Amino acid sequence: MTFFYLKQLNMKKLTIFLLLTTLLSFTPQDDINTCLKKVDSSWGEACEECTYNNDIYKVYYVNTCNFAIDAVISLQGAKNIWKTNYFENVQPNDTMYAFNCHGNGKILKWARKAGDKSLVLPNDAEINAAY
């Protein structure tokens, strides 16, 4: 009788462990954010939108997922103001770059599946208020 009880108890623990492991492995937003892989960055590279080159900061990301994404990449600059760069429908393996004419090297990023309006990406005002 004791052996049977222990066997039942272990099966319950195993079932609970497997259920929790499965549930905790589903973090879709975290997984989608990992689609954005930083592949390069540069200081002072010419930029059409900036009038000088000294503290221009550019960062390059690639979509490493096998589906299209929408992305927000924000770079902090002068007076701790974030400049937000928006990208829509970035295809797998496509590269995008974000920049700030007065960059300091700090970066924030968010992604969602392309066109998924149920997840609202932050805008400039929200990012500057929060960070």
N, C-alpha and C. Protein backbone atom coordinates (compact mmCIF):
# COMPACT_ATOMS: atom_id res chain seq x y z
N MET A 1 0.82 -1.19 0.00
CA MET A 1 0.00 0.00 0.00
C MET A 1 0.87 1.26 0.00
N THR A 2 1.93 1.29 0.81
CA THR A 2 2.80 2.46 0.88
C THR A 2 3.49 2.70 -0.46
N PHE A 3 3.95 1.65 -1.14
CA PHE A 3 4.61 1.77 -2.43
C PHE A 3 3.66 2.38 -3.46
N PHE A 4 2.40 1.90 -3.46
CA PHE A 4 1.41 2.41 -4.39
C PHE A 4 1.16 3.90 -4.15
N TYR A 5 1.08 4.30 -2.89
CA TYR A 5 0.86 5.71 -2.54
C TYR A 5 2.03 6.57 -3.01
N LEU A 6 3.26 6.12 -2.80
CA LEU A 6 4.44 6.86 -3.23
C LEU A 6 4.48 6.99 -4.76
N LYS A 7 4.09 5.91 -5.43
CA LYS A 7 4.08 5.94 -6.89
C LYS A 7 3.05 6.97 -7.37
N GLN A 8 1.87 7.02 -6.76
CA GLN A 8 0.85 8.01 -7.13
C GLN A 8 1.33 9.42 -6.85
N LEU A 9 1.99 9.62 -5.70
CA LEU A 9 2.49 10.93 -5.32
C LEU A 9 3.53 11.41 -6.32
N ASN A 10 4.44 10.52 -6.71
CA ASN A 10 5.48 10.89 -7.69
C ASN A 10 4.87 11.22 -9.05
N MET A 11 3.82 10.50 -9.45
CA MET A 11 3.16 10.79 -10.72
C MET A 11 2.49 12.16 -10.67
N LYS A 12 1.88 12.49 -9.53
CA LYS A 12 1.26 13.80 -9.39
C LYS A 12 2.31 14.90 -9.47
N LYS A 13 3.44 14.71 -8.80
CA LYS A 13 4.52 15.70 -8.84
C LYS A 13 5.05 15.86 -10.26
N LEU A 14 5.21 14.75 -10.94
CA LEU A 14 5.72 14.80 -12.31
C LEU A 14 4.73 15.54 -13.22
N THR A 15 3.45 15.24 -13.05
CA THR A 15 2.42 15.89 -13.85
C THR A 15 2.41 17.40 -13.59
N ILE A 16 2.47 17.80 -12.33
CA ILE A 16 2.50 19.22 -11.98
C ILE A 16 3.74 19.88 -12.55
N PHE A 17 4.89 19.23 -12.42
CA PHE A 17 6.14 19.77 -12.94
C PHE A 17 6.06 19.99 -14.45
N LEU A 18 5.56 18.99 -15.17
CA LEU A 18 5.44 19.12 -16.62
C LEU A 18 4.47 20.21 -17.02
N LEU A 19 3.35 20.32 -16.31
CA LEU A 19 2.37 21.35 -16.59
C LEU A 19 2.96 22.75 -16.36
N LEU A 20 3.64 22.93 -15.23
CA LEU A 20 4.26 24.23 -14.94
C LEU A 20 5.34 24.57 -15.93
N THR A 21 6.16 23.60 -16.29
CA THR A 21 7.22 23.83 -17.27
C THR A 21 6.64 24.26 -18.60
N THR A 22 5.57 23.61 -19.02
CA THR A 22 4.92 23.96 -20.29
C THR A 22 4.33 25.36 -20.23
N LEU A 23 3.62 25.68 -19.16
CA LEU A 23 3.01 27.00 -19.04
C LEU A 23 4.05 28.10 -18.98
N LEU A 24 5.12 27.89 -18.24
CA LEU A 24 6.14 28.92 -18.10
C LEU A 24 6.97 29.11 -19.37
N SER A 25 6.97 28.12 -20.22
CA SER A 25 7.74 28.25 -21.46
C SER A 25 7.03 29.11 -22.49
N PHE A 26 5.74 29.40 -22.29
CA PHE A 26 4.99 30.23 -23.23
C PHE A 26 5.01 31.67 -22.78
N THR A 27 6.01 32.41 -23.21
CA THR A 27 6.09 33.85 -22.97
C THR A 27 6.25 34.50 -24.34
N PRO A 28 5.16 34.62 -25.09
CA PRO A 28 5.27 35.03 -26.48
C PRO A 28 5.94 36.39 -26.70
N GLN A 29 5.67 37.38 -25.87
CA GLN A 29 6.29 38.68 -26.10
C GLN A 29 7.80 38.61 -25.90
N ASP A 30 8.24 37.94 -24.85
CA ASP A 30 9.68 37.79 -24.65
C ASP A 30 10.31 37.09 -25.84
N ASP A 31 9.65 36.06 -26.35
CA ASP A 31 10.19 35.33 -27.48
C ASP A 31 10.27 36.23 -28.72
N ILE A 32 9.27 37.04 -28.95
CA ILE A 32 9.28 37.91 -30.12
C ILE A 32 10.36 38.98 -29.99
N ASN A 33 10.57 39.49 -28.79
CA ASN A 33 11.64 40.49 -28.61
C ASN A 33 13.01 39.91 -28.95
N THR A 34 13.18 38.61 -28.80
CA THR A 34 14.47 38.01 -29.15
C THR A 34 14.67 37.93 -30.66
N CYS A 35 13.62 38.23 -31.43
CA CYS A 35 13.78 38.28 -32.89
C CYS A 35 14.73 39.40 -33.30
N LEU A 36 14.84 40.43 -32.47
CA LEU A 36 15.70 41.56 -32.76
C LEU A 36 17.11 41.27 -32.25
N LYS A 37 18.01 40.98 -33.17
CA LYS A 37 19.40 40.70 -32.80
C LYS A 37 20.29 41.84 -33.29
N LYS A 38 21.01 42.43 -32.35
CA LYS A 38 21.93 43.52 -32.70
C LYS A 38 23.12 42.93 -33.45
N VAL A 39 23.39 43.48 -34.64
CA VAL A 39 24.49 42.95 -35.45
C VAL A 39 25.62 43.94 -35.66
N ASP A 40 25.37 45.23 -35.39
CA ASP A 40 26.44 46.22 -35.57
C ASP A 40 25.99 47.54 -34.95
N SER A 41 26.95 48.42 -34.71
CA SER A 41 26.66 49.78 -34.28
C SER A 41 27.83 50.66 -34.70
N SER A 42 27.56 51.96 -34.80
CA SER A 42 28.63 52.87 -35.22
C SER A 42 28.41 54.25 -34.64
N TRP A 43 29.51 54.98 -34.48
CA TRP A 43 29.48 56.37 -34.03
C TRP A 43 29.97 57.24 -35.17
N GLY A 44 29.28 58.36 -35.41
CA GLY A 44 29.76 59.36 -36.34
C GLY A 44 29.56 59.06 -37.81
N GLU A 45 28.92 57.94 -38.13
CA GLU A 45 28.65 57.61 -39.52
C GLU A 45 27.65 58.61 -40.10
N ALA A 46 27.88 59.05 -41.32
CA ALA A 46 27.00 60.05 -41.94
C ALA A 46 25.54 59.61 -41.93
N CYS A 47 24.68 60.58 -41.75
CA CYS A 47 23.25 60.31 -41.69
C CYS A 47 22.54 61.49 -42.33
N GLU A 48 21.66 61.24 -43.27
CA GLU A 48 20.97 62.30 -44.00
C GLU A 48 20.16 63.22 -43.09
N GLU A 49 19.66 62.68 -41.99
CA GLU A 49 18.79 63.46 -41.12
C GLU A 49 19.55 64.26 -40.06
N CYS A 50 20.85 64.08 -39.97
CA CYS A 50 21.65 64.80 -38.98
C CYS A 50 22.56 65.79 -39.69
N THR A 51 22.77 66.94 -39.09
CA THR A 51 23.56 67.99 -39.74
C THR A 51 25.04 67.95 -39.38
N TYR A 52 25.44 67.04 -38.52
CA TYR A 52 26.83 66.90 -38.09
C TYR A 52 27.07 65.44 -37.80
N ASN A 53 28.30 65.03 -37.66
CA ASN A 53 28.59 63.61 -37.52
C ASN A 53 29.20 63.20 -36.17
N ASN A 54 29.52 64.12 -35.31
CA ASN A 54 30.28 63.77 -34.11
C ASN A 54 29.62 62.73 -33.22
N ASP A 55 28.39 62.96 -32.81
CA ASP A 55 27.78 62.03 -31.87
C ASP A 55 26.56 61.30 -32.43
N ILE A 56 26.52 61.11 -33.73
CA ILE A 56 25.48 60.28 -34.34
C ILE A 56 25.74 58.84 -33.92
N TYR A 57 24.72 58.20 -33.39
CA TYR A 57 24.85 56.80 -33.02
C TYR A 57 23.85 56.00 -33.84
N LYS A 58 24.33 55.01 -34.56
CA LYS A 58 23.49 54.10 -35.35
C LYS A 58 23.65 52.70 -34.79
N VAL A 59 22.55 51.98 -34.80
CA VAL A 59 22.58 50.59 -34.38
C VAL A 59 21.81 49.77 -35.41
N TYR A 60 22.33 48.61 -35.72
CA TYR A 60 21.76 47.75 -36.75
C TYR A 60 21.23 46.48 -36.10
N TYR A 61 19.99 46.12 -36.45
CA TYR A 61 19.35 44.90 -35.96
C TYR A 61 18.87 44.08 -37.14
N VAL A 62 18.81 42.78 -36.94
CA VAL A 62 18.26 41.88 -37.95
C VAL A 62 17.10 41.10 -37.32
N ASN A 63 16.09 40.81 -38.12
CA ASN A 63 14.98 39.97 -37.68
C ASN A 63 15.42 38.52 -37.83
N THR A 64 15.67 37.85 -36.72
CA THR A 64 16.16 36.46 -36.76
C THR A 64 15.03 35.44 -36.73
N CYS A 65 13.79 35.88 -36.62
CA CYS A 65 12.67 34.94 -36.58
C CYS A 65 12.23 34.57 -38.00
N ASN A 66 11.43 33.52 -38.10
CA ASN A 66 10.98 33.05 -39.41
C ASN A 66 9.62 33.63 -39.79
N PHE A 67 9.27 34.77 -39.20
CA PHE A 67 8.03 35.47 -39.54
C PHE A 67 8.31 36.97 -39.49
N ALA A 68 7.46 37.75 -40.14
CA ALA A 68 7.63 39.20 -40.18
C ALA A 68 7.27 39.81 -38.83
N ILE A 69 7.95 40.92 -38.49
CA ILE A 69 7.70 41.61 -37.23
C ILE A 69 7.53 43.11 -37.47
N ASP A 70 6.88 43.75 -36.50
CA ASP A 70 6.90 45.20 -36.37
C ASP A 70 7.83 45.47 -35.19
N ALA A 71 8.61 46.55 -35.25
CA ALA A 71 9.58 46.80 -34.19
C ALA A 71 9.67 48.27 -33.85
N VAL A 72 10.05 48.52 -32.61
CA VAL A 72 10.38 49.85 -32.14
C VAL A 72 11.78 49.75 -31.54
N ILE A 73 12.68 50.59 -32.04
CA ILE A 73 14.03 50.67 -31.48
C ILE A 73 14.23 52.12 -31.09
N SER A 74 14.52 52.36 -29.83
CA SER A 74 14.64 53.71 -29.32
C SER A 74 16.05 53.92 -28.77
N LEU A 75 16.67 55.03 -29.16
CA LEU A 75 18.03 55.36 -28.72
C LEU A 75 17.98 56.64 -27.90
N GLN A 76 18.66 56.61 -26.77
CA GLN A 76 18.69 57.79 -25.92
C GLN A 76 19.75 58.76 -26.40
N GLY A 77 19.46 60.05 -26.26
CA GLY A 77 20.39 61.07 -26.71
C GLY A 77 20.52 62.20 -25.73
N ALA A 78 20.76 63.40 -26.26
CA ALA A 78 20.97 64.59 -25.45
C ALA A 78 19.82 64.80 -24.47
N LYS A 79 20.15 65.24 -23.28
CA LYS A 79 19.18 65.52 -22.22
C LYS A 79 18.32 64.30 -21.90
N ASN A 80 18.86 63.10 -22.15
CA ASN A 80 18.18 61.83 -21.86
C ASN A 80 16.86 61.66 -22.61
N ILE A 81 16.74 62.31 -23.77
CA ILE A 81 15.54 62.19 -24.60
C ILE A 81 15.72 61.00 -25.53
N TRP A 82 14.68 60.15 -25.58
CA TRP A 82 14.70 58.97 -26.44
C TRP A 82 14.16 59.32 -27.82
N LYS A 83 14.86 58.89 -28.87
CA LYS A 83 14.39 59.03 -30.25
C LYS A 83 13.95 57.65 -30.71
N THR A 84 12.71 57.55 -31.12
CA THR A 84 12.13 56.27 -31.45
C THR A 84 12.12 56.06 -32.96
N ASN A 85 12.52 54.87 -33.37
CA ASN A 85 12.52 54.46 -34.78
C ASN A 85 11.52 53.31 -34.92
N TYR A 86 10.55 53.47 -35.82
CA TYR A 86 9.49 52.48 -36.02
C TYR A 86 9.73 51.71 -37.32
N PHE A 87 9.48 50.41 -37.26
CA PHE A 87 9.65 49.55 -38.44
C PHE A 87 8.43 48.64 -38.53
N GLU A 88 7.85 48.54 -39.73
CA GLU A 88 6.69 47.68 -39.93
C GLU A 88 7.01 46.60 -40.95
N ASN A 89 6.47 45.43 -40.69
CA ASN A 89 6.55 44.30 -41.61
C ASN A 89 7.99 43.97 -42.02
N VAL A 90 8.86 43.88 -41.03
CA VAL A 90 10.26 43.52 -41.28
C VAL A 90 10.32 42.01 -41.52
N GLN A 91 10.75 41.63 -42.69
CA GLN A 91 10.77 40.22 -43.08
C GLN A 91 11.93 39.47 -42.42
N PRO A 92 11.83 38.14 -42.33
CA PRO A 92 12.93 37.35 -41.76
C PRO A 92 14.26 37.67 -42.44
N ASN A 93 15.29 37.80 -41.65
CA ASN A 93 16.67 38.09 -42.08
C ASN A 93 16.88 39.50 -42.61
N ASP A 94 15.84 40.34 -42.62
CA ASP A 94 16.03 41.73 -43.04
C ASP A 94 16.72 42.52 -41.93
N THR A 95 17.53 43.48 -42.35
CA THR A 95 18.26 44.33 -41.42
C THR A 95 17.61 45.70 -41.39
N MET A 96 17.57 46.30 -40.22
CA MET A 96 17.05 47.65 -40.06
C MET A 96 18.07 48.43 -39.23
N TYR A 97 18.10 49.75 -39.38
CA TYR A 97 18.96 50.51 -38.52
C TYR A 97 18.18 51.65 -37.88
N ALA A 98 18.57 51.96 -36.66
CA ALA A 98 17.99 53.06 -35.92
C ALA A 98 19.13 54.02 -35.59
N PHE A 99 18.78 55.29 -35.39
CA PHE A 99 19.82 56.27 -35.12
C PHE A 99 19.31 57.36 -34.18
N ASN A 100 20.25 58.07 -33.59
CA ASN A 100 19.97 59.28 -32.83
C ASN A 100 21.10 60.25 -33.13
N CYS A 101 20.77 61.44 -33.57
CA CYS A 101 21.80 62.43 -33.95
C CYS A 101 22.66 62.85 -32.76
N HIS A 102 22.13 62.72 -31.56
CA HIS A 102 22.88 63.05 -30.34
C HIS A 102 22.94 61.82 -29.44
N GLY A 103 23.27 60.68 -29.98
CA GLY A 103 23.20 59.42 -29.25
C GLY A 103 24.20 59.30 -28.12
N ASN A 104 23.83 58.49 -27.11
CA ASN A 104 24.75 58.19 -26.01
C ASN A 104 24.99 56.69 -25.85
N GLY A 105 24.41 55.88 -26.75
CA GLY A 105 24.65 54.44 -26.73
C GLY A 105 23.60 53.60 -26.02
N LYS A 106 22.63 54.22 -25.35
CA LYS A 106 21.59 53.46 -24.65
C LYS A 106 20.46 53.12 -25.62
N ILE A 107 19.98 51.86 -25.54
CA ILE A 107 19.00 51.35 -26.50
C ILE A 107 17.86 50.64 -25.77
N LEU A 108 16.64 50.84 -26.24
CA LEU A 108 15.47 50.06 -25.83
C LEU A 108 14.85 49.49 -27.09
N LYS A 109 14.23 48.30 -27.00
CA LYS A 109 13.63 47.70 -28.18
C LYS A 109 12.42 46.86 -27.82
N TRP A 110 11.46 46.83 -28.74
CA TRP A 110 10.25 46.03 -28.61
C TRP A 110 9.90 45.47 -29.97
N ALA A 111 9.24 44.32 -29.97
CA ALA A 111 8.79 43.73 -31.24
C ALA A 111 7.46 43.02 -31.03
N ARG A 112 6.75 42.85 -32.11
CA ARG A 112 5.52 42.07 -32.13
C ARG A 112 5.41 41.44 -33.50
N LYS A 113 4.56 40.43 -33.63
CA LYS A 113 4.32 39.87 -34.97
C LYS A 113 3.73 40.97 -35.84
N ALA A 114 4.15 41.01 -37.07
CA ALA A 114 3.70 42.07 -37.99
C ALA A 114 2.18 42.14 -38.03
N GLY A 115 1.68 43.35 -37.84
CA GLY A 115 0.25 43.58 -37.93
C GLY A 115 -0.56 43.21 -36.70
N ASP A 116 0.07 42.68 -35.66
CA ASP A 116 -0.65 42.27 -34.45
C ASP A 116 -1.01 43.51 -33.63
N LYS A 117 -2.17 44.08 -33.89
CA LYS A 117 -2.58 45.31 -33.22
C LYS A 117 -3.04 45.08 -31.78
N SER A 118 -3.12 43.81 -31.35
CA SER A 118 -3.51 43.54 -29.96
C SER A 118 -2.38 43.93 -29.00
N LEU A 119 -1.17 44.01 -29.50
CA LEU A 119 -0.04 44.46 -28.70
C LEU A 119 0.36 45.85 -29.19
N VAL A 120 0.19 46.84 -28.35
CA VAL A 120 0.49 48.21 -28.72
C VAL A 120 1.94 48.51 -28.40
N LEU A 121 2.69 48.92 -29.41
CA LEU A 121 4.09 49.29 -29.20
C LEU A 121 4.15 50.71 -28.65
N PRO A 122 5.12 51.00 -27.78
CA PRO A 122 5.17 52.32 -27.16
C PRO A 122 5.57 53.42 -28.15
N ASN A 123 5.11 54.64 -27.86
CA ASN A 123 5.48 55.79 -28.68
C ASN A 123 6.51 56.64 -27.93
N ASP A 124 6.97 57.72 -28.58
CA ASP A 124 7.99 58.60 -27.98
C ASP A 124 7.59 59.09 -26.59
N ALA A 125 6.37 59.61 -26.47
CA ALA A 125 5.93 60.18 -25.19
C ALA A 125 5.94 59.12 -24.09
N GLU A 126 5.44 57.93 -24.39
CA GLU A 126 5.41 56.86 -23.39
C GLU A 126 6.82 56.43 -22.98
N ILE A 127 7.70 56.31 -23.96
CA ILE A 127 9.07 55.89 -23.66
C ILE A 127 9.77 56.95 -22.83
N ASN A 128 9.65 58.22 -23.22
CA ASN A 128 10.30 59.29 -22.47
C ASN A 128 9.73 59.43 -21.06
N ALA A 129 8.44 59.17 -20.89
CA ALA A 129 7.84 59.25 -19.55
C ALA A 129 8.30 58.09 -18.66
N ALA A 130 8.47 56.92 -19.25
CA ALA A 130 8.82 55.73 -18.47
C ALA A 130 10.31 55.58 -18.21
N TYR A 131 11.14 56.10 -19.11
CA TYR A 131 12.58 55.88 -18.99
C TYR A 131 13.31 57.19 -18.90
